[in-house]
Protein backbone atom coordinates (compact mmCIF):
# COMPACT_ATOMS: atom_id res chain seq x y z
CA MET A 1 4.44 -17.25 -2.19
CA ARG A 2 7.10 -16.55 -4.64
CA ARG A 3 9.87 -15.88 -10.57
CA ILE A 4 12.06 -14.00 -12.47
CA ILE A 5 11.84 -10.95 -14.89
CA ALA A 6 14.30 -8.50 -16.10
CA LEU A 7 13.92 -5.56 -13.96
CA PRO A 8 15.17 -1.91 -14.51
CA VAL A 9 19.05 -1.93 -13.41
CA ALA A 10 18.38 1.14 -11.42
CA ILE A 11 15.70 -0.36 -9.28
CA VAL A 12 17.39 -3.49 -8.73
CA ALA A 13 20.54 -1.76 -7.87
CA ALA A 14 18.60 0.64 -5.16
CA ALA A 15 16.97 -2.27 -3.73
CA LEU A 16 20.42 -4.11 -3.27
CA LEU A 17 21.74 -1.13 -1.30
CA LEU A 18 19.90 -2.15 1.63
CA THR A 19 19.81 -5.96 1.32
CA GLY A 20 23.34 -6.60 2.34
CA CYS A 21 23.56 -10.22 3.37
CA VAL A 22 21.42 -12.18 0.73
CA ASN A 23 22.58 -13.24 -2.56
CA ASN A 24 19.40 -13.89 -4.54
CA GLU A 25 21.85 -15.32 -7.42
CA ALA A 26 23.11 -18.00 -5.38
CA THR A 27 21.34 -21.38 -5.57
CA ASP A 28 21.57 -24.59 -4.02
CA ASN A 29 24.08 -23.79 -1.42
CA PRO A 30 23.68 -25.85 2.04
CA GLY A 31 22.69 -23.82 5.05
CA SER A 32 24.98 -23.57 8.12
CA ASN A 33 22.46 -24.72 10.67
CA GLY A 34 24.01 -28.15 11.32
CA SER A 35 22.48 -30.76 13.19
CA ALA A 36 19.24 -30.34 14.77
CA GLY A 37 18.75 -32.09 17.92
CA THR A 38 22.53 -33.33 18.09
CA SER A 39 24.74 -30.33 17.70
CA ALA A 40 25.22 -28.14 20.87
CA GLY A 41 23.00 -25.34 20.81
CA ALA A 42 21.04 -26.50 17.65
CA ASN A 43 17.94 -27.68 19.54
CA PRO A 44 16.81 -24.75 21.97
CA TYR A 45 13.30 -26.06 22.50
CA GLY A 46 14.52 -29.22 23.97
CA VAL A 47 13.17 -31.53 21.54
CA THR A 48 13.93 -35.48 22.15
CA LYS A 49 13.90 -37.99 19.52
CA ASP A 50 10.49 -39.96 19.26
CA ALA A 51 11.59 -43.64 18.23
CA ALA A 52 7.86 -44.53 17.09
CA LEU A 53 7.87 -41.58 14.57
CA ALA A 54 11.56 -42.09 13.64
CA LYS A 55 10.79 -45.71 12.52
CA LEU A 56 8.33 -44.07 9.90
CA LEU A 57 10.95 -42.33 7.97
CA PRO A 58 11.89 -43.76 4.75
CA SER A 59 15.05 -45.94 4.72
CA LYS A 60 16.91 -43.47 2.25
CA ILE A 61 16.39 -40.69 4.79
CA ALA A 62 17.03 -42.81 8.10
CA ASP A 63 20.18 -44.44 6.86
CA ALA A 64 21.48 -40.88 5.73
CA GLY A 65 20.47 -39.42 8.96
CA LYS A 66 19.87 -36.12 6.98
CA LEU A 67 16.75 -34.20 6.11
CA GLN A 68 17.41 -32.23 2.63
CA ILE A 69 15.17 -29.09 2.98
CA GLY A 70 14.68 -26.64 0.21
CA THR A 71 14.19 -22.89 1.21
CA ASP A 72 14.50 -19.44 0.01
CA PRO A 73 15.79 -17.33 2.87
CA THR A 74 14.63 -13.87 1.82
CA TYR A 75 11.32 -13.90 3.61
CA ALA A 76 11.91 -12.62 7.03
CA PRO A 77 10.83 -13.43 9.81
CA ASN A 78 9.71 -16.92 8.30
CA GLU A 79 13.16 -17.89 6.73
CA SER A 80 16.13 -15.40 6.30
CA LYS A 81 19.70 -14.84 6.96
CA ASP A 82 21.17 -13.43 10.00
CA ASP A 83 24.47 -11.25 9.87
CA SER A 84 26.54 -14.37 9.86
CA GLY A 85 25.04 -15.92 7.04
CA LYS A 86 23.10 -18.70 9.19
CA ILE A 87 19.49 -19.41 7.92
CA VAL A 88 17.14 -18.54 10.68
CA GLY A 89 13.21 -18.05 11.33
CA TRP A 90 10.31 -19.62 12.65
CA ASP A 91 9.88 -21.92 9.71
CA ILE A 92 13.40 -23.01 10.32
CA ASP A 93 12.82 -23.53 14.01
CA LEU A 94 9.97 -25.74 13.04
CA GLY A 95 12.01 -27.49 10.61
CA ASP A 96 14.66 -28.19 13.27
CA ALA A 97 12.30 -29.46 15.89
CA MET A 98 10.64 -32.02 13.33
CA ALA A 99 14.20 -33.08 12.53
CA ALA A 100 15.17 -33.38 16.22
CA LYS A 101 11.95 -35.21 16.63
CA LEU A 102 12.89 -37.74 13.87
CA GLY A 103 16.35 -38.10 15.13
CA VAL A 104 17.92 -36.76 11.92
CA GLN A 105 19.80 -33.72 10.77
CA ALA A 106 18.15 -30.69 9.17
CA VAL A 107 20.24 -29.65 6.08
CA TYR A 108 18.87 -26.45 4.54
CA VAL A 109 19.73 -25.84 1.08
CA GLU A 110 19.43 -22.35 -0.25
CA SER A 111 17.32 -22.06 -3.38
CA LYS A 112 15.43 -19.70 -5.52
CA PHE A 113 11.70 -20.07 -4.56
CA ASP A 114 10.68 -21.15 -7.99
CA ASN A 115 13.25 -24.01 -8.23
CA ILE A 116 12.22 -25.64 -4.78
CA ILE A 117 9.19 -27.74 -5.96
CA PRO A 118 10.84 -28.78 -9.01
CA SER A 119 13.74 -30.01 -6.99
CA ILE A 120 11.22 -31.86 -4.66
CA THR A 121 9.54 -33.48 -7.80
CA GLY A 122 12.99 -34.21 -9.21
CA GLY A 123 14.16 -36.01 -5.90
CA ARG A 124 16.94 -33.63 -4.97
CA TYR A 125 15.19 -32.16 -1.70
CA ASP A 126 12.95 -34.61 0.70
CA MET A 127 10.93 -31.44 1.47
CA GLY A 128 10.62 -27.80 1.01
CA ILE A 129 10.20 -25.33 3.98
CA SER A 130 9.61 -21.71 2.46
CA SER A 131 6.36 -20.23 3.49
CA PHE A 132 4.19 -22.01 0.63
CA THR A 133 0.79 -21.23 0.21
CA ASP A 134 -1.20 -24.58 -0.23
CA THR A 135 -3.01 -23.86 -3.68
CA LEU A 136 -4.93 -26.36 -6.08
CA GLU A 137 -2.34 -25.84 -8.75
CA ARG A 138 0.63 -26.70 -6.26
CA GLU A 139 -1.02 -29.66 -5.12
CA LYS A 140 -0.96 -31.04 -8.44
CA GLN A 141 2.75 -31.48 -8.11
CA VAL A 142 3.42 -31.89 -4.29
CA ASP A 143 1.70 -32.82 -1.17
CA PHE A 144 1.24 -30.03 1.73
CA VAL A 145 1.14 -30.55 5.33
CA ASN A 146 -0.57 -27.59 6.48
CA TYR A 147 1.04 -25.56 9.47
CA TYR A 148 -0.05 -22.15 9.73
CA ASN A 149 -2.83 -19.60 8.15
CA ALA A 150 -1.39 -16.41 6.67
CA GLY A 151 -3.39 -13.85 4.59
CA ILE A 152 -2.35 -10.98 2.15
CA MET A 153 -1.26 -7.61 3.49
CA TRP A 154 -0.28 -4.42 1.74
CA ALA A 155 2.11 -1.74 2.86
CA SER A 156 2.42 1.76 1.40
CA ARG A 157 4.72 4.59 2.05
CA LYS A 158 4.46 6.52 5.53
CA GLY A 159 1.67 8.89 5.03
CA GLU A 160 0.52 7.92 1.85
CA THR A 161 -2.98 6.32 1.47
CA VAL A 162 -3.29 3.09 -0.63
CA ASP A 163 -6.34 1.12 -0.85
CA PRO A 164 -5.49 -2.53 -1.96
CA ASN A 165 -9.08 -2.90 -3.66
CA ASN A 166 -8.35 0.40 -5.73
CA ALA A 167 -4.84 0.22 -6.99
CA CYS A 168 -5.26 1.06 -10.59
CA GLY A 169 -2.30 2.62 -11.94
CA LEU A 170 -0.17 2.17 -8.90
CA LYS A 171 3.47 0.56 -8.84
CA VAL A 172 3.20 -2.54 -6.46
CA ALA A 173 6.23 -4.66 -5.50
CA VAL A 174 5.85 -8.36 -5.16
CA GLN A 175 8.31 -11.29 -4.65
CA ALA A 176 8.13 -13.12 -7.89
CA GLY A 177 6.19 -16.43 -8.11
CA THR A 178 4.47 -15.75 -4.97
CA THR A 179 0.56 -15.79 -4.49
CA GLU A 180 0.66 -12.04 -4.56
CA ASP A 181 2.38 -12.15 -7.86
CA LEU A 182 0.42 -14.96 -9.48
CA ASP A 183 -3.11 -15.05 -8.15
CA GLU A 184 -3.85 -11.82 -6.60
CA LEU A 185 -2.61 -9.02 -8.54
CA PRO A 186 -3.41 -10.08 -12.08
CA PRO A 187 -7.16 -10.21 -11.58
CA LYS A 188 -7.01 -7.09 -9.83
CA SER A 189 -5.14 -5.52 -12.68
CA LYS A 190 -7.50 -7.10 -15.28
CA ALA A 191 -10.48 -5.41 -13.54
CA CYS A 192 -8.65 -2.15 -13.79
CA THR A 193 -8.25 -2.27 -17.56
CA ASP A 194 -11.61 -3.93 -18.00
CA ALA A 195 -13.06 -0.48 -16.48
CA GLY A 196 -11.02 1.42 -18.73
CA LYS A 197 -8.46 2.45 -15.90
CA PRO A 198 -4.69 1.77 -16.06
CA ALA A 199 -3.26 -1.24 -15.23
CA ILE A 200 -1.37 -1.88 -11.94
CA GLN A 201 2.38 -1.93 -12.58
CA VAL A 202 3.56 -4.88 -10.98
CA PHE A 203 7.51 -4.87 -10.08
CA LYS A 204 8.74 -8.33 -9.55
CA PHE A 205 11.65 -9.18 -7.58
CA ASP A 206 13.67 -12.49 -6.77
CA GLY A 207 13.73 -11.74 -2.85
CA GLN A 208 10.95 -10.28 -0.65
CA ASP A 209 13.81 -8.26 0.83
CA GLN A 210 14.21 -6.40 -2.53
CA ALA A 211 10.45 -5.91 -3.03
CA THR A 212 10.38 -4.29 0.46
CA ASN A 213 13.43 -2.19 -0.16
CA ALA A 214 11.83 -0.92 -3.29
CA LEU A 215 8.86 0.46 -1.21
CA VAL A 216 11.35 1.85 1.43
CA LEU A 217 13.23 3.49 -1.23
CA GLY A 218 10.20 5.06 -3.01
CA GLN A 219 10.70 3.09 -6.29
CA VAL A 220 6.92 1.86 -5.88
CA GLN A 221 3.89 3.08 -4.09
CA ALA A 222 2.92 -0.14 -2.30
CA MET A 223 3.93 -3.82 -1.67
CA SER A 224 1.75 -7.00 -1.28
CA ALA A 225 3.13 -9.89 0.58
CA ASP A 226 2.00 -12.63 3.19
CA SER A 227 0.66 -11.11 6.43
CA PRO A 228 3.61 -12.13 8.72
CA ILE A 229 6.06 -10.83 6.27
CA THR A 230 4.56 -7.16 5.81
CA GLU A 231 3.96 -6.81 9.49
CA TYR A 232 7.66 -7.75 10.06
CA ALA A 233 8.58 -5.35 7.50
CA ILE A 234 6.51 -2.56 8.96
CA HIS A 235 7.90 -3.18 12.24
CA GLN A 236 11.27 -3.07 11.00
CA GLN A 237 10.72 0.17 8.98
CA SER A 238 8.18 1.78 10.85
CA ASP A 239 9.49 5.32 10.19
CA LYS A 240 9.22 4.66 6.53
CA ILE A 241 6.31 2.33 5.63
CA GLN A 242 2.90 1.68 7.01
CA ALA A 243 -0.06 -0.99 6.72
CA ALA A 244 -2.45 -0.28 3.95
CA GLY A 245 -5.73 -1.89 4.79
CA THR A 246 -6.04 -5.07 6.80
CA THR A 247 -5.30 -8.59 6.16
CA PHE A 248 -7.42 -10.56 3.79
CA GLU A 249 -7.66 -13.90 1.77
CA VAL A 250 -6.38 -16.04 4.58
CA ALA A 251 -4.95 -19.20 3.46
CA PRO A 252 -2.93 -22.17 4.85
CA TYR A 253 1.06 -22.45 4.54
CA GLY A 254 2.16 -25.85 3.90
CA PHE A 255 5.58 -28.03 4.13
CA ALA A 256 5.89 -29.21 0.59
CA LEU A 257 6.66 -32.84 -0.13
CA PRO A 258 6.90 -35.48 -2.81
CA LYS A 259 3.44 -36.38 -3.96
CA GLY A 260 1.91 -39.55 -2.57
CA GLY A 261 5.09 -40.45 -0.84
CA GLU A 262 5.76 -41.77 2.62
CA MET A 263 6.99 -38.51 3.95
CA THR A 264 3.63 -36.74 3.81
CA ASP A 265 2.45 -39.03 6.60
CA VAL A 266 5.64 -38.89 8.58
CA ILE A 267 5.64 -34.97 8.67
CA GLN A 268 2.09 -34.66 9.40
CA LYS A 269 2.32 -37.07 12.54
CA THR A 270 5.75 -35.31 13.47
CA LEU A 271 4.17 -31.84 13.38
CA GLN A 272 0.85 -32.91 15.17
CA SER A 273 3.27 -34.10 17.87
CA LEU A 274 4.97 -30.77 18.30
CA ILE A 275 1.52 -29.05 18.38
CA ASP A 276 0.32 -31.45 21.06
CA ASP A 277 3.42 -31.03 23.32
CA GLY A 278 3.60 -27.43 23.20
CA THR A 279 6.81 -27.07 21.18
CA TYR A 280 5.07 -25.35 18.10
CA LYS A 281 3.33 -22.82 20.09
CA LYS A 282 6.61 -21.91 22.01
CA ILE A 283 8.28 -21.32 18.47
CA LEU A 284 5.64 -19.28 17.26
CA ASP A 285 5.33 -17.23 20.40
CA LYS A 286 9.14 -16.52 20.38
CA TRP A 287 8.91 -15.24 16.91
CA GLY A 288 5.64 -13.15 17.50
CA VAL A 289 3.57 -14.83 14.92
CA ALA A 290 1.24 -16.94 16.93
CA SER A 291 -2.00 -15.30 15.49
CA GLY A 292 -1.77 -17.78 12.56
CA ALA A 293 -1.45 -20.87 14.81
CA VAL A 294 -3.43 -24.15 13.99
CA THR A 295 -4.43 -26.85 16.34
CA GLU A 296 -4.27 -29.65 13.89
CA ALA A 297 -1.87 -30.67 10.99
CA THR A 298 -3.75 -31.28 8.01
CA VAL A 299 -2.66 -32.43 4.42
CA ASN A 300 -3.70 -30.68 1.19
CA ALA A 301 -6.23 -28.19 2.74
CA ALA A 302 -6.75 -26.17 -0.55
CA SER A 303 -8.47 -29.35 -2.15
CA LYS A 304 -10.76 -29.75 0.83
CA GLN A 305 -11.86 -26.17 1.15
């Protein structure tokens, strides 16, 4: 997924017209979800504490009774904010369910995407839940417990034909620091210039909501994002944007955790428990993203492919 460059003021301003509730300049703000599994209404899937799993928690987290989770809530429907400012999404529901299973409170800390992994390695967050694609480069810094398979999917303006494999010279919006920004578009653009064609003009935004709005407003000709995000955007803006091609380069999402730490084993076993008892599928079904479901919680899948 998701960096920061200076963008033309007009483009950013236009994008912000439709974003409304998300402040992409705010970082390290506690979410308002409260206590998963203990507050009334915070555990809609009826998850109960598993004492055996709870005993596996590091003493620091068990004693605090809280799981500090970094997230960038600009990536609907995975993680975003509702009208009241509450952080919501199917990623968040999974995080709440894991916390409830472990008998602790899930505390979501809003952060720019690029800051999440450094904050995990620096000990500020216990984990990151923010649609991270598990990559070899990221695995050098953190461990991943893999929980979903997502691909890359493009969208274009309604009625305009865009081919993701023939995008030389096009203006394409992405969220900065994402797989699409760092891994997909650079080689595609280089292939264009190597062939004597114009480079892809990549417009990078702090939040995916801004990237989507740039397309809706016609500031770019296409956007590239993870498949559930693009599908959701098309559903929300079906009168203005459409799919451009099909999903490709499917790869696993992972919960980011301290490298070589105790929490990797804890989260893997907790997620597997939610898969086995059916809670995982209920969450994905509720949000309409079950097409990427997995049956096994694995660790660091990128290094094992």
